[in-house]
Every structure is written in structure tokens, then in C-alpha cells.
Amino acid sequence: MTVYRRKLLDYTGPARGLAALALLALASLAFAGDPAPLPKADPIQITPIAPTPMAAPAAASAPAVTSPAAATAAKNVPAQGLAVPAKSGPISVTVNGAQAVKTSMPVPADPNEAVRQAIRERMQGSGELVIRSVDAASAIAAPAKSSSPPVPSSKPVESRTGSAKAAPMVPWSYDGDRGPANWGKLHARYAACDKGQFQSPIDLRDGVGVDLPELTFDVKPSLFKVIDTGKTLEVHYLSGASMRVLGNTYRLMHLEFRHPAEERIEGKTHGMSMQLHFRDGQGRLAAVSVLLSPIPGKENPFIQSIWNHIPLVRNEAVAPPELMINLGQVLPRKLSYYTYMGSLTTPPCTEGVTWYVLKTPIEVSSDQIAIFARLYPNNTRPVQPANSRLIKESRS
């Protein structure tokens, strides 16, 4: 009898009650000493009634559902990465068609039940189903995207002489199909080169002699760097310099050279010119042109310091680490000048530039001009129509 009781303890699960009855019956027969064989019984069939399906593991990206009922159900859906608590529910079992045992088993919560509920409601016409292809975590973390088109930046693109990064320039040249006669046709930004009414350079003649305001330069010795731009030699004065006229201060941006000089004075040209480009606090442009006259054997130290450091490669700056130059030593002592309203002499030919052309040239050697002429035989824009512009000049 003890053996049968141990066998009885081995049975667990929904069939334990039925197994217990069978074992007790066998035990009673065995101890009753009845040698008669047991009648053959029908096989035992255990059928679960309406079992609750086990929940499938949650997908890596749970679809977002927007539905009144689904939203309520979704509150009970745990976030990804958290343990899902098990829920218990009664399970009915029948033995050979008759109810035998009722027990309960842990049933894990189904994180996709919210989706199923929303689908059922949508199929019955009682709910709205919206399923997106992003998971809930991404939907919370990612900011909402605006359907409005991007707003273009209102920051203006400055010209080549500006302090900010200039817009890419369309290739142009001093000769050929991309020469000065065709600059205005190369790009819409260069339209002023053809259509502008106040273009530079011009022939300075018939000027009105008046007492012009004094030009005051604030300069000091400075380190510098030289760039061969492919159009000229451009020099940056690293300590900075400024010019003051009529109470307005202009900051030096850079200086560059032309061969021959772009300006003509009463029809006469000079061997070279050095142009100083300035900008004031309101963005207004000013340019000072210093004429260079060749004198045999008259070497100019300022010019020679720049020539000694002409870059070997274009568009790569050369900056001597210890050598300094002094712009104040190269400017003529007498600062009488011509002035008129004009433009940049290279594309985009921006107008509104106040030009100051110093009357007194500075002396350089013929060899110094010849060195630059080997690099740039002609980097000068032709003279432009004056269009009845007023030209003023210092009386003294």
C-alpha cells in the first residue's frame, strides 16, 4: 500500500485526481487477494477547455497604436527591457468528456494584446487603428518633424572683399572667353560688370579742385602673409591697419598689385599700382590706389620684402615667422588725392566703392616691376565709361 501511495505522489498536474482513483483501486484489489485480472478500461483522454494561449515574446519594435480602447490597454503593456509579471487564470479540464479538475496556471501578460484589441475594434467598425513603423521609445525620443519647407538662411553672402567666407567664384580671366568683355555673361552675380553705371577704373580727368578732407592712416610694423591668388599677389597685414576720413574709420582687409596701373590720369598710365582695400563698421567699401613708378636702381625695401616671399604654389600662403613690414614707410608723405565713386575692378564688380587715388607715386626699381610682370603681364581691367561722374581732387 505504501508503494501505491508513493506512486500517487508522483502524479501532478490536471490528471492527478483521476490517477489517484485508479491507483487506489489497484491497491485495494492487490490487498484483497483477488487474483482475477483487471478489466480493460478505455484510454484516458484529457482535454483542456478554452486554454489561454501563451504570449509570444514582444517584438523588438512594438508598433505604436492610437485607439481609445487600445490606449487604455497599452497602459498595462510594460516598456521594453522590463520583466513582464505573470497573470493567473482558471483552466477547466475534462476527463473523457466530463469536467474533472479546475486549477490555475500562471499566464504571462501579452504585450501585443493592445494591438490585437485595436485590430478587433477596427474590424468591428468601433475604433480607429493607426500603426506606425517606429517603436514607442523612438516615438518619445524623436522630436516631431515639421511639414513646413526649410527656411533659407537670411545671412547675406559677402563679396570677395568681405571678412566672411565668400561664395564660390565662377572662373574668370583677364583674357580669352572669360576676359573682362564677358565677365557680366559668366554668372548672374557678375551682372554689374556689364550693366553697372559706376564701374572702375576710369580715366581721371577734368577733376574739380577743392579742399578735400585729410586721409589719416593708423599703421604700425606687422607680420604679414602673401598669397598668389592666380590673379595677383595678395598681402594680409596681420597686425591690422586703418584709415580715417570725414570722421569714419575703415579697417584694412588686404592689399594687392596691378600691372600696369589700372587708373589713368589725364590719359596717362603708370608702371604698377598697389591697391589697399578697406571696409568700415557699416560694411561700406573704400580703396586707396598707390601708383608705382619705375626708377632704375631705386629698390623699394617694402616691395622687396614681399617679393622675397612670393609663394611657390598658388593659393598657399607664405607667412615669414619673424619678418615685419611697415606700411607707413611706403606711403607717400604728401597725401593729396583724386576721389570718385566706383566699383571693385574684378568680378562681381560690386559698386558703391569710394576710391582714393594718391597723386604722388612711390618709387620702385625697374627690376621689381619686371619681377611682377613675369608673373602677371597684364592683370588690369580696361578703363570704364565715366558716365558724367563727379571727380574731385585736392587743390594742393
Protein backbone atom coordinates (compact mmCIF):
# COMPACT_ATOMS: atom_id res chain seq x y z
CA MET A 1 0.00 0.00 0.00
CA THR A 2 2.88 2.33 0.77
CA VAL A 3 4.22 1.75 -2.74
CA TYR A 4 0.96 2.87 -4.29
CA ARG A 5 0.89 5.95 -2.12
CA ARG A 6 4.36 6.85 -3.37
CA LYS A 7 3.21 6.31 -6.94
CA LEU A 8 0.27 8.54 -6.20
CA LEU A 9 2.60 11.32 -5.08
CA ASP A 10 4.46 11.12 -8.37
CA TYR A 11 1.42 12.30 -10.31
CA THR A 12 0.97 16.02 -10.66
CA GLY A 13 -0.93 18.29 -12.95
CA PRO A 14 -4.50 18.20 -14.18
CA ALA A 15 -4.75 14.34 -14.19
CA ARG A 16 -3.66 13.88 -10.60
CA GLY A 17 -7.22 13.31 -9.30
CA LEU A 18 -8.04 10.62 -11.85
CA ALA A 19 -4.71 8.91 -11.34
CA ALA A 20 -5.33 8.84 -7.61
CA LEU A 21 -8.62 7.00 -8.06
CA ALA A 22 -7.03 4.44 -10.37
CA LEU A 23 -4.13 3.70 -8.06
CA LEU A 24 -6.38 3.35 -5.04
CA ALA A 25 -8.49 0.83 -6.92
CA LEU A 26 -5.46 -1.24 -7.87
CA ALA A 27 -4.18 -1.17 -4.33
CA SER A 28 -7.48 -2.41 -2.97
CA LEU A 29 -7.54 -5.36 -5.37
CA ALA A 30 -3.97 -6.28 -4.62
CA PHE A 31 -4.50 -6.42 -0.88
CA ALA A 32 -7.86 -8.12 -1.24
CA GLY A 33 -6.02 -11.10 -2.67
CA ASP A 34 -8.25 -11.30 -5.70
CA PRO A 35 -6.19 -12.92 -8.49
CA ALA A 36 -8.75 -12.05 -11.14
CA PRO A 37 -7.32 -9.77 -13.87
CA LEU A 38 -8.45 -6.21 -14.05
CA PRO A 39 -10.97 -5.39 -16.76
CA LYS A 40 -9.59 -3.46 -19.69
CA ALA A 41 -10.51 0.21 -19.35
CA ASP A 42 -10.98 2.80 -22.01
CA PRO A 43 -8.00 5.12 -22.59
CA ILE A 44 -8.00 8.27 -20.54
CA GLN A 45 -8.40 11.46 -22.57
CA ILE A 46 -7.57 14.80 -21.03
CA THR A 47 -8.87 17.78 -22.97
CA PRO A 48 -8.19 21.35 -21.84
CA ILE A 49 -11.21 23.62 -22.22
CA ALA A 50 -10.62 27.05 -23.83
CA PRO A 51 -6.95 27.30 -22.94
CA THR A 52 -5.46 30.77 -22.82
CA PRO A 53 -2.71 30.97 -25.45
CA MET A 54 0.78 31.67 -24.20
CA ALA A 55 2.03 35.12 -25.07
CA ALA A 56 4.63 35.39 -27.77
CA PRO A 57 7.74 37.39 -26.85
CA ALA A 58 7.40 41.08 -27.52
CA ALA A 59 8.93 42.24 -30.79
CA ALA A 60 11.99 44.45 -30.71
CA SER A 61 9.97 47.38 -32.03
CA ALA A 62 6.35 47.45 -30.75
CA PRO A 63 4.11 49.35 -33.14
CA ALA A 64 2.53 52.49 -31.82
CA VAL A 65 -1.30 52.24 -31.65
CA THR A 66 -3.67 55.14 -31.35
CA SER A 67 -7.17 53.98 -30.35
CA PRO A 68 -9.31 54.78 -27.31
CA ALA A 69 -9.52 51.17 -26.22
CA ALA A 70 -6.04 50.37 -27.38
CA ALA A 71 -4.64 53.33 -25.47
CA THR A 72 -6.25 52.01 -22.29
CA ALA A 73 -4.86 48.54 -22.89
CA ALA A 74 -1.47 49.93 -23.80
CA LYS A 75 -1.11 51.44 -20.33
CA ASN A 76 -0.72 47.91 -18.96
CA VAL A 77 1.92 46.98 -21.53
CA PRO A 78 5.36 47.14 -19.90
CA ALA A 79 8.18 49.01 -21.58
CA GLN A 80 10.88 47.06 -23.40
CA GLY A 81 13.61 45.63 -21.22
CA LEU A 82 11.37 45.25 -18.10
CA ALA A 83 10.14 41.94 -16.68
CA VAL A 84 6.55 41.05 -17.56
CA PRO A 85 4.61 39.97 -14.50
CA ALA A 86 2.68 36.71 -14.91
CA LYS A 87 -1.11 36.66 -14.58
CA SER A 88 -3.05 33.68 -13.31
CA GLY A 89 -6.33 32.40 -14.71
CA PRO A 90 -8.50 29.27 -14.07
CA ILE A 91 -8.23 26.39 -16.55
CA SER A 92 -11.03 23.80 -16.85
CA VAL A 93 -10.07 20.19 -17.71
CA THR A 94 -12.36 17.32 -18.74
CA VAL A 95 -11.63 13.63 -18.44
CA ASN A 96 -13.43 11.56 -21.11
CA GLY A 97 -15.79 14.46 -21.71
CA ALA A 98 -16.62 15.12 -18.03
CA GLN A 99 -15.30 18.01 -16.01
CA ALA A 100 -12.71 16.68 -13.60
CA VAL A 101 -10.28 19.22 -12.30
CA LYS A 102 -10.11 23.01 -12.06
CA THR A 103 -6.77 24.55 -11.34
CA SER A 104 -4.88 27.72 -12.19
CA MET A 105 -1.62 28.26 -14.06
CA PRO A 106 0.42 31.42 -14.45
CA VAL A 107 -0.30 33.15 -17.74
CA PRO A 108 2.20 35.80 -18.84
CA ALA A 109 0.72 39.17 -19.83
CA ASP A 110 0.68 39.65 -23.59
CA PRO A 111 2.37 42.96 -24.58
CA ASN A 112 0.76 42.72 -28.05
CA GLU A 113 -2.78 42.50 -26.68
CA ALA A 114 -3.22 46.25 -27.21
CA VAL A 115 -2.56 45.78 -30.93
CA ARG A 116 -4.94 42.81 -31.18
CA GLN A 117 -7.66 44.72 -29.34
CA ALA A 118 -7.29 47.69 -31.68
CA ILE A 119 -7.48 45.40 -34.72
CA ARG A 120 -10.64 43.74 -33.38
CA GLU A 121 -12.25 47.12 -32.78
CA ARG A 122 -11.28 48.33 -36.24
CA MET A 123 -12.75 45.21 -37.86
CA GLN A 124 -15.99 45.78 -35.93
CA GLY A 125 -16.06 49.43 -37.03
CA SER A 126 -15.84 50.77 -33.47
CA GLY A 127 -12.32 52.09 -33.35
CA GLU A 128 -9.58 53.83 -35.26
CA LEU A 129 -6.36 51.96 -35.91
CA VAL A 130 -3.09 53.72 -36.66
CA ILE A 131 0.04 51.60 -36.71
CA ARG A 132 3.42 53.23 -37.25
CA SER A 133 6.71 51.58 -38.05
CA VAL A 134 8.59 53.09 -35.12
CA ASP A 135 8.73 51.79 -31.60
CA ALA A 136 7.34 53.69 -28.65
CA ALA A 137 10.75 54.62 -27.28
CA SER A 138 11.80 56.16 -30.58
CA ALA A 139 8.48 57.99 -30.88
CA ILE A 140 9.03 59.59 -27.48
CA ALA A 141 12.68 60.43 -28.02
CA ALA A 142 12.49 61.76 -31.59
CA PRO A 143 11.19 65.33 -31.97
CA ALA A 144 8.26 65.89 -34.26
CA LYS A 145 9.23 66.86 -37.78
CA SER A 146 7.71 69.94 -39.28
CA SER A 147 5.95 69.62 -42.60
CA SER A 148 6.93 73.18 -43.49
CA PRO A 149 9.73 73.65 -46.03
CA PRO A 150 13.12 74.67 -44.62
CA VAL A 151 13.58 78.40 -44.23
CA PRO A 152 16.62 79.62 -46.17
CA SER A 153 19.26 81.49 -44.25
CA SER A 154 18.86 85.24 -44.32
CA LYS A 155 22.56 85.82 -43.88
CA PRO A 156 23.85 87.64 -46.98
CA VAL A 157 26.74 86.26 -48.95
CA GLU A 158 29.53 88.79 -48.82
CA SER A 159 31.70 89.81 -51.72
CA ARG A 160 35.28 88.78 -52.33
CA THR A 161 36.49 91.69 -50.23
CA GLY A 162 34.30 90.79 -47.26
CA SER A 163 35.53 89.46 -43.94
CA ALA A 164 33.15 86.47 -44.01
CA LYS A 165 33.64 83.43 -46.20
CA ALA A 166 32.81 84.43 -49.77
CA ALA A 167 30.54 82.46 -52.10
CA PRO A 168 32.36 80.24 -54.61
CA MET A 169 33.54 82.36 -57.53
CA VAL A 170 32.78 81.46 -61.12
CA PRO A 171 36.11 81.21 -63.02
CA TRP A 172 37.09 84.38 -64.84
CA SER A 173 40.23 85.69 -66.51
CA TYR A 174 41.92 88.80 -67.87
CA ASP A 175 41.89 87.46 -71.44
CA GLY A 176 40.10 84.99 -73.72
CA ASP A 177 36.45 83.93 -73.49
CA ARG A 178 36.38 84.63 -69.76
CA GLY A 179 38.05 88.02 -70.05
CA PRO A 180 36.71 91.45 -68.98
CA ALA A 181 34.45 91.82 -72.03
CA ASN A 182 32.50 88.71 -70.97
CA TRP A 183 32.53 88.96 -67.16
CA GLY A 184 28.91 90.05 -67.00
CA LYS A 185 27.81 87.00 -69.01
CA LEU A 186 29.59 84.40 -66.85
CA HIS A 187 27.10 84.47 -63.97
CA ALA A 188 24.12 86.47 -62.71
CA ARG A 189 26.21 87.66 -59.76
CA TYR A 190 28.52 89.38 -62.24
CA ALA A 191 25.75 91.35 -63.96
CA ALA A 192 27.11 94.67 -62.64
CA CYS A 193 30.27 94.16 -64.71
CA ASP A 194 28.12 94.79 -67.83
CA LYS A 195 25.16 96.80 -66.57
CA GLY A 196 26.69 98.89 -63.80
CA GLN A 197 26.80 102.66 -64.25
CA PHE A 198 29.60 103.40 -61.77
CA GLN A 199 32.32 100.93 -62.73
CA SER A 200 36.07 101.19 -62.14
CA PRO A 201 38.73 102.02 -63.23
CA ILE A 202 38.23 105.28 -65.08
CA ASP A 203 40.39 107.94 -66.67
CA LEU A 204 40.72 110.69 -64.06
CA ARG A 205 40.40 113.92 -65.96
CA ASP A 206 38.58 117.23 -65.58
CA GLY A 207 38.51 116.86 -61.80
CA VAL A 208 37.08 119.57 -59.59
CA GLY A 209 39.86 121.03 -57.41
CA VAL A 210 38.64 121.50 -53.82
CA ASP A 211 39.91 121.27 -50.26
CA LEU A 212 39.41 117.58 -49.59
CA PRO A 213 39.35 116.04 -46.12
CA GLU A 214 42.65 114.66 -44.89
CA LEU A 215 43.37 110.93 -45.07
CA THR A 216 44.81 109.67 -41.78
CA PHE A 217 46.43 106.24 -41.67
CA ASP A 218 46.98 104.31 -38.43
CA VAL A 219 49.65 101.69 -39.11
CA LYS A 220 52.49 100.01 -37.27
CA PRO A 221 55.06 97.35 -38.11
CA SER A 222 53.40 93.98 -38.63
CA LEU A 223 53.90 90.37 -39.56
CA PHE A 224 52.35 89.52 -42.89
CA LYS A 225 51.41 86.71 -45.25
CA VAL A 226 51.48 86.58 -49.05
CA ILE A 227 49.08 84.61 -51.29
CA ASP A 228 49.42 84.16 -55.04
CA THR A 229 45.72 84.02 -55.94
CA GLY A 230 46.28 83.35 -59.65
CA LYS A 231 45.07 86.89 -60.37
CA THR A 232 47.51 88.92 -58.27
CA LEU A 233 49.71 88.87 -55.16
CA GLU A 234 47.53 89.47 -52.11
CA VAL A 235 49.15 90.65 -48.87
CA HIS A 236 47.49 90.44 -45.44
CA TYR A 237 48.78 92.85 -42.79
CA LEU A 238 48.43 90.71 -39.67
CA SER A 239 48.62 93.49 -37.03
CA GLY A 240 45.85 95.38 -38.78
CA ALA A 241 45.74 98.95 -40.02
CA SER A 242 43.09 101.57 -40.54
CA MET A 243 42.29 104.78 -42.41
CA ARG A 244 40.21 107.63 -41.07
CA VAL A 245 38.41 110.17 -43.27
CA LEU A 246 35.50 112.52 -42.51
CA GLY A 247 35.22 111.01 -39.03
CA ASN A 248 34.72 107.50 -40.38
CA THR A 249 37.18 104.64 -39.72
CA TYR A 250 37.91 101.97 -42.33
CA ARG A 251 39.77 98.76 -41.45
CA LEU A 252 42.37 97.36 -43.85
CA MET A 253 41.41 93.95 -45.24
CA HIS A 254 44.31 93.34 -47.62
CA LEU A 255 46.43 94.95 -50.31
CA GLU A 256 47.11 93.73 -53.86
CA PHE A 257 49.00 94.74 -57.00
CA ARG A 258 48.16 95.59 -60.63
CA HIS A 259 50.42 95.68 -63.69
CA PRO A 260 50.15 98.18 -65.28
CA ALA A 261 48.27 100.61 -63.02
CA GLU A 262 44.51 100.44 -63.65
CA GLU A 263 43.81 104.16 -63.20
CA ARG A 264 44.78 106.65 -65.83
CA ILE A 265 45.38 110.29 -65.02
CA GLU A 266 44.62 112.61 -67.91
CA GLY A 267 45.11 109.63 -70.22
CA LYS A 268 48.48 108.66 -68.73
CA THR A 269 49.18 105.30 -67.08
CA HIS A 270 51.88 104.19 -64.62
CA GLY A 271 54.05 101.08 -64.40
CA MET A 272 52.15 99.47 -61.48
CA SER A 273 49.74 100.23 -58.68
CA MET A 274 49.23 98.92 -55.14
CA GLN A 275 45.60 98.85 -54.01
CA LEU A 276 44.63 98.95 -50.32
CA HIS A 277 41.11 97.60 -49.69
CA PHE A 278 39.19 98.80 -46.62
CA ARG A 279 35.78 98.26 -45.02
CA ASP A 280 34.06 100.30 -42.29
CA GLY A 281 31.74 99.17 -39.50
CA GLN A 282 28.66 99.52 -41.72
CA GLY A 283 30.18 97.34 -44.46
CA ARG A 284 30.95 100.24 -46.80
CA LEU A 285 33.98 99.72 -49.03
CA ALA A 286 36.86 102.07 -49.75
CA ALA A 287 40.00 101.56 -51.82
CA VAL A 288 43.25 103.53 -51.91
CA SER A 289 45.39 103.24 -55.04
CA VAL A 290 49.12 103.99 -54.72
CA LEU A 291 50.87 104.46 -58.06
CA LEU A 292 54.32 102.81 -58.52
CA SER A 293 56.80 104.49 -60.85
CA PRO A 294 59.89 102.59 -62.05
CA ILE A 295 63.26 104.21 -61.31
CA PRO A 296 66.39 102.31 -62.44
CA GLY A 297 68.29 101.05 -59.40
CA LYS A 298 65.77 102.53 -56.91
CA GLU A 299 64.79 99.42 -54.96
CA ASN A 300 61.90 99.76 -52.54
CA PRO A 301 62.51 97.79 -49.28
CA PHE A 302 58.80 97.31 -48.57
CA ILE A 303 58.12 95.88 -52.03
CA GLN A 304 61.26 93.73 -51.93
CA SER A 305 60.23 92.14 -48.61
CA ILE A 306 57.03 90.96 -50.28
CA TRP A 307 58.75 89.83 -53.48
CA ASN A 308 61.24 87.77 -51.43
CA HIS A 309 58.33 85.67 -50.15
CA ILE A 310 56.31 85.10 -53.31
CA PRO A 311 54.75 81.62 -52.82
CA LEU A 312 55.96 78.73 -54.93
CA VAL A 313 52.41 77.31 -55.05
CA ARG A 314 49.30 79.32 -55.83
CA ASN A 315 46.65 79.77 -53.13
CA GLU A 316 49.07 78.65 -50.41
CA ALA A 317 50.05 81.45 -48.02
CA VAL A 318 53.64 82.20 -47.08
CA ALA A 319 53.98 83.86 -43.65
CA PRO A 320 57.55 84.70 -42.55
CA PRO A 321 57.63 83.96 -38.80
CA GLU A 322 59.84 86.89 -37.75
CA LEU A 323 59.99 89.38 -40.62
CA MET A 324 57.89 92.53 -40.24
CA ILE A 325 56.93 95.21 -42.76
CA ASN A 326 55.74 98.77 -42.16
CA LEU A 327 53.06 100.11 -44.47
CA GLY A 328 53.60 103.59 -43.10
CA GLN A 329 57.06 103.74 -44.67
CA VAL A 330 55.82 103.05 -48.20
CA LEU A 331 53.01 105.62 -48.33
CA PRO A 332 53.97 108.98 -49.85
CA ARG A 333 54.42 111.85 -47.44
CA LYS A 334 52.06 114.05 -49.37
CA LEU A 335 48.59 112.52 -49.34
CA SER A 336 46.76 114.69 -51.88
CA TYR A 337 44.38 112.57 -53.95
CA TYR A 338 41.60 112.14 -56.51
CA THR A 339 38.31 110.67 -55.33
CA TYR A 340 35.21 109.34 -57.05
CA MET A 341 32.50 106.70 -56.61
CA GLY A 342 33.21 103.44 -58.40
CA SER A 343 33.29 99.68 -58.04
CA LEU A 344 35.54 96.70 -57.48
CA THR A 345 37.71 96.15 -60.56
CA THR A 346 37.22 92.36 -60.51
CA PRO A 347 34.04 90.25 -60.55
CA PRO A 348 31.43 90.66 -59.14
CA CYS A 349 32.24 94.35 -59.87
CA THR A 350 30.35 95.50 -56.75
CA GLU A 351 29.51 99.21 -56.88
CA GLY A 352 29.42 101.70 -54.03
CA VAL A 353 33.20 101.72 -53.52
CA THR A 354 34.80 105.08 -52.65
CA TRP A 355 38.13 105.37 -54.47
CA TYR A 356 41.08 107.46 -53.32
CA VAL A 357 43.89 107.64 -55.89
CA LEU A 358 47.01 109.24 -54.41
CA LYS A 359 48.54 111.88 -56.68
CA THR A 360 52.13 111.26 -55.60
CA PRO A 361 53.58 107.93 -56.83
CA ILE A 362 56.17 105.93 -54.89
CA GLU A 363 59.43 104.89 -56.47
CA VAL A 364 60.36 101.28 -57.14
CA SER A 365 63.08 99.76 -59.27
CA SER A 366 62.57 98.64 -62.85
CA ASP A 367 63.66 95.15 -61.79
CA GLN A 368 60.96 94.97 -59.13
CA ILE A 369 58.29 95.78 -61.70
CA ALA A 370 59.83 93.26 -64.12
CA ILE A 371 59.60 90.51 -61.46
CA PHE A 372 55.87 91.05 -61.03
CA ALA A 373 55.37 91.41 -64.80
CA ARG A 374 56.81 87.91 -65.30
CA LEU A 375 54.04 86.55 -63.07
CA TYR A 376 51.26 88.81 -64.37
CA PRO A 377 51.97 90.51 -67.71
CA ASN A 378 48.54 92.13 -67.55
CA ASN A 379 46.10 91.87 -64.67
CA THR A 380 44.32 95.15 -65.33
CA ARG A 381 40.68 95.79 -66.21
CA PRO A 382 40.20 98.20 -69.13
CA VAL A 383 39.09 101.74 -68.38
CA GLN A 384 35.30 102.05 -67.94
CA PRO A 385 32.98 104.88 -69.02
CA ALA A 386 32.89 107.76 -66.53
CA ASN A 387 29.17 108.37 -67.20
CA SER A 388 29.40 112.02 -66.10
CA ARG A 389 30.64 111.09 -62.62
CA LEU A 390 31.97 113.83 -60.43
CA ILE A 391 35.71 113.56 -59.85
CA LYS A 392 37.22 115.66 -57.09
CA GLU A 393 40.90 116.33 -56.48
CA SER A 394 42.97 118.04 -53.82
CA ARG A 395 43.86 121.63 -54.71
CA SER A 396 47.30 121.44 -53.13
